[in-house]
Amino acid sequence: MQTSRIVVCKADSLREKQTVKFAFGAGKERKEGFVVALAGNLYAYRNECRHIPMTMDWVENRFLSRDHRHIQCATHGALYEIAGGLCVSGPPTGQHLHALPVSIENGEVVVTIGDGQDQD
């Protein structure tokens, strides 16, 4: 299994309920993801709504609802829980965002992309 590690940002630069977007893959296979911090934990997801595979940020790197309680799809208004990515409101209710493994290594936020994680 081939994997790649993506250094997203310095761990101390990511604040509570803040997001950081990153890209992975190349050419037609290029996709985006984002990391969000919540209650001392990090969550990483593909930047793709489960209703229709479109990017979700309504402004560059803006993924959270106005109250910062959910991840919100700008196109459809679907709301996803930050922790776990479960859709709780909108067309894909009950489905989860595509989660990506995220960790802190040597003070950096690192997302690991493995075979199949860039596909549906």
C-alpha atoms as a PDB file:
ATOM      1  CA  MET A   1       0.000   0.000   0.000  1.00  0.00           C
ATOM      2  CA  GLN A   2       1.421   3.348  -1.035  1.00  0.00           C
ATOM      3  CA  THR A   3       0.876   6.259   1.321  1.00  0.00           C
ATOM      4  CA  SER A   4       1.887   9.871   1.341  1.00  0.00           C
ATOM      5  CA  ARG A   5       2.242  12.247   4.247  1.00  0.00           C
ATOM      6  CA  ILE A   6       1.093  15.816   3.852  1.00  0.00           C
ATOM      7  CA  VAL A   7       2.352  18.416   6.295  1.00  0.00           C
ATOM      8  CA  VAL A   8      -0.607  20.781   6.581  1.00  0.00           C
ATOM      9  CA  CYS A   9       0.617  23.384   9.081  1.00  0.00           C
ATOM     10  CA  LYS A  10       2.407  23.904  12.383  1.00  0.00           C
ATOM     11  CA  ALA A  11       0.341  22.394  15.183  1.00  0.00           C
ATOM     12  CA  ASP A  12       0.501  25.529  17.322  1.00  0.00           C
ATOM     13  CA  SER A  13      -0.942  27.644  14.487  1.00  0.00           C
ATOM     14  CA  LEU A  14      -4.251  25.738  14.344  1.00  0.00           C
ATOM     15  CA  ARG A  15      -6.692  27.209  16.858  1.00  0.00           C
ATOM     16  CA  GLU A  16     -10.001  25.922  18.233  1.00  0.00           C
ATOM     17  CA  LYS A  17     -12.684  25.638  15.527  1.00  0.00           C
ATOM     18  CA  GLN A  18     -10.273  26.821  12.861  1.00  0.00           C
ATOM     19  CA  THR A  19      -9.798  25.042   9.537  1.00  0.00           C
ATOM     20  CA  VAL A  20      -6.812  24.603   7.239  1.00  0.00           C
ATOM     21  CA  LYS A  21      -7.237  23.399   3.676  1.00  0.00           C
ATOM     22  CA  PHE A  22      -4.702  21.299   1.749  1.00  0.00           C
ATOM     23  CA  ALA A  23      -4.472  19.526  -1.614  1.00  0.00           C
ATOM     24  CA  PHE A  24      -3.408  16.004  -2.521  1.00  0.00           C
ATOM     25  CA  GLY A  25      -3.096  14.001  -5.702  1.00  0.00           C
ATOM     26  CA  ALA A  26      -2.161  15.385  -9.106  1.00  0.00           C
ATOM     27  CA  GLY A  27      -3.798  16.299 -12.381  1.00  0.00           C
ATOM     28  CA  LYS A  28      -7.349  15.022 -12.750  1.00  0.00           C
ATOM     29  CA  GLU A  29      -6.894  13.071  -9.507  1.00  0.00           C
ATOM     30  CA  ARG A  30      -6.172  16.238  -7.496  1.00  0.00           C
ATOM     31  CA  LYS A  31      -8.462  16.595  -4.495  1.00  0.00           C
ATOM     32  CA  GLU A  32      -8.702  18.860  -1.482  1.00  0.00           C
ATOM     33  CA  GLY A  33      -9.028  18.165   2.189  1.00  0.00           C
ATOM     34  CA  PHE A  34      -9.215  20.183   5.374  1.00  0.00           C
ATOM     35  CA  VAL A  35      -8.311  19.847   9.016  1.00  0.00           C
ATOM     36  CA  VAL A  36     -10.383  21.303  11.846  1.00  0.00           C
ATOM     37  CA  ALA A  37      -9.525  21.577  15.545  1.00  0.00           C
ATOM     38  CA  LEU A  38     -12.172  20.912  18.188  1.00  0.00           C
ATOM     39  CA  ALA A  39     -11.778  20.431  21.947  1.00  0.00           C
ATOM     40  CA  GLY A  40      -8.105  19.524  21.686  1.00  0.00           C
ATOM     41  CA  ASN A  41      -8.644  17.028  18.866  1.00  0.00           C
ATOM     42  CA  LEU A  42      -7.944  17.237  15.146  1.00  0.00           C
ATOM     43  CA  TYR A  43     -10.264  15.970  12.422  1.00  0.00           C
ATOM     44  CA  ALA A  44      -9.422  15.745   8.717  1.00  0.00           C
ATOM     45  CA  TYR A  45     -11.866  15.245   5.861  1.00  0.00           C
ATOM     46  CA  ARG A  46     -11.953  15.349   2.093  1.00  0.00           C
ATOM     47  CA  ASN A  47     -13.388  18.641   0.883  1.00  0.00           C
ATOM     48  CA  GLU A  48     -16.362  16.972  -0.747  1.00  0.00           C
ATOM     49  CA  CYS A  49     -20.051  16.987   0.156  1.00  0.00           C
ATOM     50  CA  ARG A  50     -21.648  13.539   0.350  1.00  0.00           C
ATOM     51  CA  HIS A  51     -24.773  14.733  -1.490  1.00  0.00           C
ATOM     52  CA  ILE A  52     -23.039  15.762  -4.710  1.00  0.00           C
ATOM     53  CA  PRO A  53     -19.232  15.551  -4.903  1.00  0.00           C
ATOM     54  CA  MET A  54     -18.557  19.286  -4.854  1.00  0.00           C
ATOM     55  CA  THR A  55     -16.188  21.268  -2.669  1.00  0.00           C
ATOM     56  CA  MET A  56     -17.839  22.560   0.488  1.00  0.00           C
ATOM     57  CA  ASP A  57     -16.062  25.781   1.461  1.00  0.00           C
ATOM     58  CA  TRP A  58     -18.224  28.826   0.765  1.00  0.00           C
ATOM     59  CA  VAL A  59     -15.241  31.152   0.820  1.00  0.00           C
ATOM     60  CA  GLU A  60     -11.688  29.834   0.492  1.00  0.00           C
ATOM     61  CA  ASN A  61     -10.997  27.728   3.612  1.00  0.00           C
ATOM     62  CA  ARG A  62     -14.353  28.566   5.280  1.00  0.00           C
ATOM     63  CA  PHE A  63     -16.036  25.312   6.234  1.00  0.00           C
ATOM     64  CA  LEU A  64     -17.893  26.021   9.462  1.00  0.00           C
ATOM     65  CA  SER A  65     -21.437  27.239   9.956  1.00  0.00           C
ATOM     66  CA  ARG A  66     -21.890  30.774  11.282  1.00  0.00           C
ATOM     67  CA  ASP A  67     -22.229  29.487  14.845  1.00  0.00           C
ATOM     68  CA  HIS A  68     -19.085  27.333  14.370  1.00  0.00           C
ATOM     69  CA  ARG A  69     -20.927  24.232  15.592  1.00  0.00           C
ATOM     70  CA  HIS A  70     -20.959  22.312  12.285  1.00  0.00           C
ATOM     71  CA  ILE A  71     -19.153  21.857   9.024  1.00  0.00           C
ATOM     72  CA  GLN A  72     -21.474  23.292   6.381  1.00  0.00           C
ATOM     73  CA  CYS A  73     -21.682  22.624   2.657  1.00  0.00           C
ATOM     74  CA  ALA A  74     -21.889  26.008   0.939  1.00  0.00           C
ATOM     75  CA  THR A  75     -23.818  24.603  -2.032  1.00  0.00           C
ATOM     76  CA  HIS A  76     -26.528  22.566  -0.317  1.00  0.00           C
ATOM     77  CA  GLY A  77     -26.453  23.815   3.263  1.00  0.00           C
ATOM     78  CA  ALA A  78     -25.902  20.316   4.649  1.00  0.00           C
ATOM     79  CA  LEU A  79     -24.588  20.319   8.224  1.00  0.00           C
ATOM     80  CA  TYR A  80     -22.005  17.797   9.422  1.00  0.00           C
ATOM     81  CA  GLU A  81     -20.757  17.187  12.948  1.00  0.00           C
ATOM     82  CA  ILE A  82     -17.172  18.352  13.341  1.00  0.00           C
ATOM     83  CA  ALA A  83     -16.247  15.270  15.376  1.00  0.00           C
ATOM     84  CA  GLY A  84     -16.950  12.291  13.135  1.00  0.00           C
ATOM     85  CA  GLY A  85     -18.335  14.046  10.059  1.00  0.00           C
ATOM     86  CA  LEU A  86     -21.916  12.734  10.382  1.00  0.00           C
ATOM     87  CA  CYS A  87     -24.474  14.701   8.343  1.00  0.00           C
ATOM     88  CA  VAL A  88     -27.218  15.809  10.732  1.00  0.00           C
ATOM     89  CA  SER A  89     -29.162  18.103   8.385  1.00  0.00           C
ATOM     90  CA  GLY A  90     -29.528  18.287   4.625  1.00  0.00           C
ATOM     91  CA  PRO A  91     -29.742  15.965   1.619  1.00  0.00           C
ATOM     92  CA  PRO A  92     -27.131  13.403   2.743  1.00  0.00           C
ATOM     93  CA  THR A  93     -28.448  13.046   6.332  1.00  0.00           C
ATOM     94  CA  GLY A  94     -26.959   9.957   7.956  1.00  0.00           C
ATOM     95  CA  GLN A  95     -23.879   9.827   5.731  1.00  0.00           C
ATOM     96  CA  HIS A  96     -20.361  10.701   6.887  1.00  0.00           C
ATOM     97  CA  LEU A  97     -17.731  12.879   5.277  1.00  0.00           C
ATOM     98  CA  HIS A  98     -14.683  10.976   4.026  1.00  0.00           C
ATOM     99  CA  ALA A  99     -12.338  11.058   7.029  1.00  0.00           C
ATOM    100  CA  LEU A 100      -8.569  11.145   6.609  1.00  0.00           C
ATOM    101  CA  PRO A 101      -5.994  10.073   9.226  1.00  0.00           C
ATOM    102  CA  VAL A 102      -4.468  13.094  10.967  1.00  0.00           C
ATOM    103  CA  SER A 103      -1.795  13.364  13.634  1.00  0.00           C
ATOM    104  CA  ILE A 104       0.728  15.703  15.164  1.00  0.00           C
ATOM    105  CA  GLU A 105       4.321  14.774  14.404  1.00  0.00           C
ATOM    106  CA  ASN A 106       7.263  16.892  15.494  1.00  0.00           C
ATOM    107  CA  GLY A 107       4.986  19.867  16.073  1.00  0.00           C
ATOM    108  CA  GLU A 108       3.325  19.649  12.655  1.00  0.00           C
ATOM    109  CA  VAL A 109      -0.185  18.612  11.619  1.00  0.00           C
ATOM    110  CA  VAL A 110       0.226  15.668   9.244  1.00  0.00           C
ATOM    111  CA  VAL A 111      -2.455  13.979   7.135  1.00  0.00           C
ATOM    112  CA  THR A 112      -1.731  10.545   5.722  1.00  0.00           C
ATOM    113  CA  ILE A 113      -3.242   9.655   2.371  1.00  0.00           C
ATOM    114  CA  GLY A 114      -3.273   5.980   1.459  1.00  0.00           C
ATOM    115  CA  ASP A 115      -4.404   3.956  -1.529  1.00  0.00           C
ATOM    116  CA  GLY A 116      -8.133   4.342  -2.034  1.00  0.00           C
ATOM    117  CA  GLN A 117      -8.540   7.425   0.138  1.00  0.00           C
ATOM    118  CA  ASP A 118      -8.500   9.656  -2.893  1.00  0.00           C
ATOM    119  CA  GLN A 119     -11.367   7.661  -4.418  1.00  0.00           C
ATOM    120  CA  ASP A 120     -15.022   7.380  -3.415  1.00  0.00           C
END
